[in-house]
Amino acid sequence: MPRIPLDRVEPGMQLSRHAKNSAGIMLLERGTTITEALIRKLRNAKVCHVFVAGARDGTGMQEALAALEERFKLTRHDPRMNVLKELLEEHMRDICS
């Protein structure tokens, strides 16, 4: 169940988790099939991302890990920051598996 930005959501995708706004109010139930109208509704509600069901190609994880690497590149010589980065990588892999 990858988490994807709303601008990458396409009609026909299915939610793998409830879609909620920033206040935690559920807007769409898990299992809802996305339509253009629902994408507009989510956009109007300022929703930034949703979790969708489907095959994983690993692209999202690769992008996330690359972004994490970029954020920590200036601190790669600090052992404490390396531990923190490793913990974040492990957490990211856990939530995406």
N, C-alpha and C. Protein backbone atom coordinates (compact mmCIF):
# COMPACT_ATOMS: atom_id res chain seq x y z
N MET A 1 0.82 -1.18 0.00
CA MET A 1 0.00 0.00 0.00
C MET A 1 0.86 1.24 0.00
N PRO A 2 1.35 1.62 -1.15
CA PRO A 2 2.21 2.79 -1.21
C PRO A 2 1.47 4.09 -0.95
N ARG A 3 2.16 5.01 -0.31
CA ARG A 3 1.65 6.37 -0.08
C ARG A 3 2.12 7.19 -1.26
N ILE A 4 1.19 7.82 -1.95
CA ILE A 4 1.58 8.61 -3.12
C ILE A 4 1.00 10.02 -3.02
N PRO A 5 1.71 10.98 -3.60
CA PRO A 5 1.20 12.35 -3.61
C PRO A 5 -0.08 12.42 -4.44
N LEU A 6 -0.95 13.32 -4.05
CA LEU A 6 -2.24 13.44 -4.72
C LEU A 6 -2.09 13.73 -6.21
N ASP A 7 -1.05 14.45 -6.60
CA ASP A 7 -0.90 14.77 -8.02
C ASP A 7 -0.50 13.55 -8.86
N ARG A 8 -0.20 12.43 -8.22
CA ARG A 8 0.09 11.19 -8.95
C ARG A 8 -1.06 10.20 -8.90
N VAL A 9 -2.14 10.56 -8.22
CA VAL A 9 -3.31 9.68 -8.13
C VAL A 9 -4.08 9.75 -9.44
N GLU A 10 -4.53 8.58 -9.89
CA GLU A 10 -5.26 8.50 -11.15
C GLU A 10 -6.60 7.81 -10.93
N PRO A 11 -7.60 8.17 -11.74
CA PRO A 11 -8.88 7.48 -11.65
C PRO A 11 -8.68 5.97 -11.84
N GLY A 12 -9.41 5.22 -11.05
CA GLY A 12 -9.31 3.76 -11.11
C GLY A 12 -8.48 3.18 -9.99
N MET A 13 -7.62 4.00 -9.37
CA MET A 13 -6.85 3.51 -8.22
C MET A 13 -7.79 3.29 -7.06
N GLN A 14 -7.39 2.40 -6.16
CA GLN A 14 -8.22 2.09 -5.01
C GLN A 14 -7.48 2.43 -3.72
N LEU A 15 -8.19 3.07 -2.80
CA LEU A 15 -7.58 3.45 -1.53
C LEU A 15 -7.33 2.22 -0.66
N SER A 16 -6.14 2.14 -0.09
CA SER A 16 -5.83 1.04 0.82
C SER A 16 -5.99 1.47 2.28
N ARG A 17 -6.17 2.76 2.51
CA ARG A 17 -6.47 3.32 3.84
C ARG A 17 -7.50 4.42 3.65
N HIS A 18 -8.17 4.77 4.75
CA HIS A 18 -9.10 5.90 4.69
C HIS A 18 -8.33 7.15 4.30
N ALA A 19 -8.94 8.00 3.49
CA ALA A 19 -8.36 9.30 3.17
C ALA A 19 -8.90 10.30 4.18
N LYS A 20 -7.98 11.02 4.85
CA LYS A 20 -8.37 11.96 5.89
C LYS A 20 -7.78 13.33 5.60
N ASN A 21 -8.46 14.35 6.11
CA ASN A 21 -7.91 15.70 5.97
C ASN A 21 -6.93 15.96 7.11
N SER A 22 -6.37 17.15 7.16
CA SER A 22 -5.35 17.46 8.17
C SER A 22 -5.90 17.42 9.60
N ALA A 23 -7.21 17.55 9.76
CA ALA A 23 -7.84 17.47 11.07
C ALA A 23 -8.16 16.03 11.47
N GLY A 24 -7.87 15.09 10.57
CA GLY A 24 -8.13 13.68 10.87
C GLY A 24 -9.53 13.22 10.53
N ILE A 25 -10.29 14.08 9.88
CA ILE A 25 -11.66 13.71 9.50
C ILE A 25 -11.61 12.85 8.25
N MET A 26 -12.29 11.69 8.32
CA MET A 26 -12.29 10.78 7.18
C MET A 26 -13.13 11.36 6.04
N LEU A 27 -12.52 11.42 4.88
CA LEU A 27 -13.20 11.94 3.69
C LEU A 27 -13.67 10.81 2.78
N LEU A 28 -12.84 9.77 2.67
CA LEU A 28 -13.17 8.61 1.83
C LEU A 28 -12.77 7.35 2.57
N GLU A 29 -13.57 6.31 2.43
CA GLU A 29 -13.28 5.05 3.09
C GLU A 29 -12.25 4.23 2.34
N ARG A 30 -11.55 3.39 3.08
CA ARG A 30 -10.64 2.42 2.48
C ARG A 30 -11.44 1.58 1.48
N GLY A 31 -10.85 1.29 0.35
CA GLY A 31 -11.52 0.50 -0.67
C GLY A 31 -12.22 1.32 -1.73
N THR A 32 -12.33 2.63 -1.51
CA THR A 32 -12.97 3.51 -2.49
C THR A 32 -12.15 3.54 -3.77
N THR A 33 -12.83 3.43 -4.90
CA THR A 33 -12.18 3.57 -6.20
C THR A 33 -12.19 5.05 -6.57
N ILE A 34 -11.01 5.55 -6.89
CA ILE A 34 -10.83 6.97 -7.16
C ILE A 34 -11.41 7.36 -8.52
N THR A 35 -12.08 8.51 -8.54
CA THR A 35 -12.59 9.11 -9.78
C THR A 35 -12.01 10.52 -9.89
N GLU A 36 -12.20 11.14 -11.04
CA GLU A 36 -11.76 12.55 -11.20
C GLU A 36 -12.44 13.44 -10.18
N ALA A 37 -13.73 13.22 -9.95
CA ALA A 37 -14.48 14.03 -8.98
C ALA A 37 -13.90 13.88 -7.58
N LEU A 38 -13.51 12.65 -7.21
CA LEU A 38 -12.94 12.45 -5.87
C LEU A 38 -11.55 13.07 -5.75
N ILE A 39 -10.79 13.06 -6.83
CA ILE A 39 -9.49 13.73 -6.80
C ILE A 39 -9.68 15.22 -6.56
N ARG A 40 -10.67 15.82 -7.22
CA ARG A 40 -10.96 17.25 -6.99
C ARG A 40 -11.39 17.49 -5.55
N LYS A 41 -12.22 16.59 -5.01
CA LYS A 41 -12.68 16.72 -3.63
C LYS A 41 -11.49 16.68 -2.66
N LEU A 42 -10.57 15.75 -2.88
CA LEU A 42 -9.40 15.64 -2.02
C LEU A 42 -8.51 16.87 -2.15
N ARG A 43 -8.34 17.34 -3.37
CA ARG A 43 -7.52 18.53 -3.61
C ARG A 43 -8.14 19.74 -2.89
N ASN A 44 -9.45 19.90 -3.00
CA ASN A 44 -10.15 21.01 -2.34
C ASN A 44 -10.04 20.92 -0.82
N ALA A 45 -9.92 19.69 -0.32
CA ALA A 45 -9.79 19.49 1.13
C ALA A 45 -8.33 19.60 1.59
N LYS A 46 -7.44 19.97 0.66
CA LYS A 46 -6.02 20.16 0.97
C LYS A 46 -5.32 18.85 1.38
N VAL A 47 -5.81 17.72 0.85
CA VAL A 47 -5.15 16.43 1.10
C VAL A 47 -3.91 16.37 0.20
N CYS A 48 -2.79 16.01 0.77
CA CYS A 48 -1.52 16.00 0.02
C CYS A 48 -1.16 14.63 -0.52
N HIS A 49 -1.60 13.57 0.15
CA HIS A 49 -1.25 12.22 -0.27
C HIS A 49 -2.34 11.24 0.16
N VAL A 50 -2.34 10.08 -0.47
CA VAL A 50 -3.24 9.00 -0.10
C VAL A 50 -2.47 7.69 -0.20
N PHE A 51 -3.02 6.66 0.42
CA PHE A 51 -2.47 5.32 0.32
C PHE A 51 -3.32 4.53 -0.67
N VAL A 52 -2.68 3.94 -1.65
CA VAL A 52 -3.41 3.19 -2.68
C VAL A 52 -2.99 1.73 -2.69
N ALA A 53 -3.92 0.89 -3.08
CA ALA A 53 -3.65 -0.54 -3.22
C ALA A 53 -3.04 -0.78 -4.58
N GLY A 54 -2.33 -1.86 -4.69
CA GLY A 54 -1.81 -2.22 -5.99
C GLY A 54 -0.39 -2.69 -5.94
N ALA A 55 0.10 -3.04 -7.11
CA ALA A 55 1.46 -3.56 -7.23
C ALA A 55 2.46 -2.48 -6.89
N ARG A 56 3.55 -2.92 -6.34
CA ARG A 56 4.64 -2.00 -6.03
C ARG A 56 5.77 -2.24 -6.99
N ASP A 57 6.25 -1.19 -7.56
CA ASP A 57 7.41 -1.33 -8.43
C ASP A 57 8.68 -0.85 -7.74
N GLY A 58 8.55 -0.38 -6.49
CA GLY A 58 9.71 0.06 -5.75
C GLY A 58 10.14 1.49 -6.07
N THR A 59 9.52 2.11 -7.05
CA THR A 59 9.93 3.46 -7.45
C THR A 59 9.75 4.44 -6.31
N GLY A 60 8.63 4.40 -5.63
CA GLY A 60 8.38 5.32 -4.53
C GLY A 60 9.40 5.18 -3.42
N MET A 61 9.72 3.94 -3.08
CA MET A 61 10.71 3.70 -2.04
C MET A 61 12.08 4.19 -2.49
N GLN A 62 12.44 3.92 -3.72
CA GLN A 62 13.73 4.38 -4.24
C GLN A 62 13.83 5.90 -4.18
N GLU A 63 12.75 6.57 -4.56
CA GLU A 63 12.74 8.04 -4.51
C GLU A 63 12.86 8.53 -3.08
N ALA A 64 12.15 7.88 -2.16
CA ALA A 64 12.18 8.29 -0.76
C ALA A 64 13.58 8.08 -0.17
N LEU A 65 14.19 6.95 -0.48
CA LEU A 65 15.54 6.69 0.04
C LEU A 65 16.56 7.66 -0.56
N ALA A 66 16.39 7.99 -1.82
CA ALA A 66 17.29 8.97 -2.45
C ALA A 66 17.14 10.34 -1.78
N ALA A 67 15.91 10.72 -1.47
CA ALA A 67 15.66 12.00 -0.79
C ALA A 67 16.27 11.99 0.61
N LEU A 68 16.16 10.86 1.30
CA LEU A 68 16.75 10.74 2.63
C LEU A 68 18.28 10.87 2.54
N GLU A 69 18.85 10.20 1.56
CA GLU A 69 20.31 10.28 1.35
C GLU A 69 20.73 11.73 1.10
N GLU A 70 19.96 12.43 0.30
CA GLU A 70 20.27 13.83 -0.01
C GLU A 70 20.22 14.69 1.26
N ARG A 71 19.23 14.45 2.10
CA ARG A 71 19.08 15.24 3.32
C ARG A 71 20.24 15.03 4.29
N PHE A 72 20.80 13.82 4.28
CA PHE A 72 21.85 13.50 5.25
C PHE A 72 23.26 13.60 4.66
N LYS A 73 23.41 14.03 3.43
CA LYS A 73 24.72 13.99 2.80
C LYS A 73 25.75 14.89 3.48
N LEU A 74 25.33 15.98 4.05
CA LEU A 74 26.28 16.88 4.71
C LEU A 74 26.70 16.40 6.09
N THR A 75 26.02 15.40 6.61
CA THR A 75 26.33 14.91 7.96
C THR A 75 26.86 13.48 7.95
N ARG A 76 27.28 12.99 6.79
CA ARG A 76 27.68 11.58 6.68
C ARG A 76 28.90 11.23 7.55
N HIS A 77 29.65 12.21 8.01
CA HIS A 77 30.83 11.94 8.85
C HIS A 77 30.49 11.98 10.34
N ASP A 78 29.24 12.24 10.67
CA ASP A 78 28.80 12.29 12.06
C ASP A 78 28.16 10.95 12.42
N PRO A 79 28.78 10.15 13.29
CA PRO A 79 28.24 8.83 13.61
C PRO A 79 26.81 8.86 14.16
N ARG A 80 26.49 9.88 14.94
CA ARG A 80 25.12 9.97 15.49
C ARG A 80 24.10 10.19 14.38
N MET A 81 24.45 11.01 13.41
CA MET A 81 23.53 11.25 12.29
C MET A 81 23.40 10.01 11.42
N ASN A 82 24.47 9.24 11.31
CA ASN A 82 24.40 7.99 10.55
C ASN A 82 23.45 7.00 11.21
N VAL A 83 23.47 6.95 12.53
CA VAL A 83 22.54 6.08 13.25
C VAL A 83 21.11 6.54 13.01
N LEU A 84 20.89 7.83 13.09
CA LEU A 84 19.56 8.37 12.85
C LEU A 84 19.08 8.05 11.43
N LYS A 85 19.96 8.22 10.46
CA LYS A 85 19.61 7.92 9.06
C LYS A 85 19.27 6.44 8.90
N GLU A 86 20.04 5.57 9.51
CA GLU A 86 19.78 4.13 9.42
C GLU A 86 18.43 3.78 10.05
N LEU A 87 18.11 4.42 11.18
CA LEU A 87 16.81 4.19 11.82
C LEU A 87 15.66 4.65 10.92
N LEU A 88 15.84 5.79 10.28
CA LEU A 88 14.81 6.28 9.37
C LEU A 88 14.64 5.36 8.16
N GLU A 89 15.75 4.88 7.61
CA GLU A 89 15.67 3.94 6.48
C GLU A 89 14.91 2.68 6.89
N GLU A 90 15.23 2.15 8.06
CA GLU A 90 14.55 0.95 8.55
C GLU A 90 13.06 1.20 8.72
N HIS A 91 12.73 2.34 9.30
CA HIS A 91 11.32 2.68 9.51
C HIS A 91 10.59 2.80 8.17
N MET A 92 11.22 3.46 7.20
CA MET A 92 10.60 3.63 5.89
C MET A 92 10.35 2.27 5.23
N ARG A 93 11.32 1.38 5.34
CA ARG A 93 11.16 0.05 4.74
C ARG A 93 10.04 -0.73 5.44
N ASP A 94 9.93 -0.56 6.78
CA ASP A 94 8.89 -1.25 7.53
C ASP A 94 7.50 -0.78 7.14
N ILE A 95 7.29 0.52 7.00
CA ILE A 95 5.95 1.01 6.71
C ILE A 95 5.55 0.76 5.27
N CYS A 96 6.51 0.51 4.42
CA CYS A 96 6.20 0.27 3.00
C CYS A 96 6.18 -1.22 2.65
N SER A 97 6.39 -2.07 3.63
CA SER A 97 6.37 -3.50 3.33
C SER A 97 5.07 -4.14 3.70
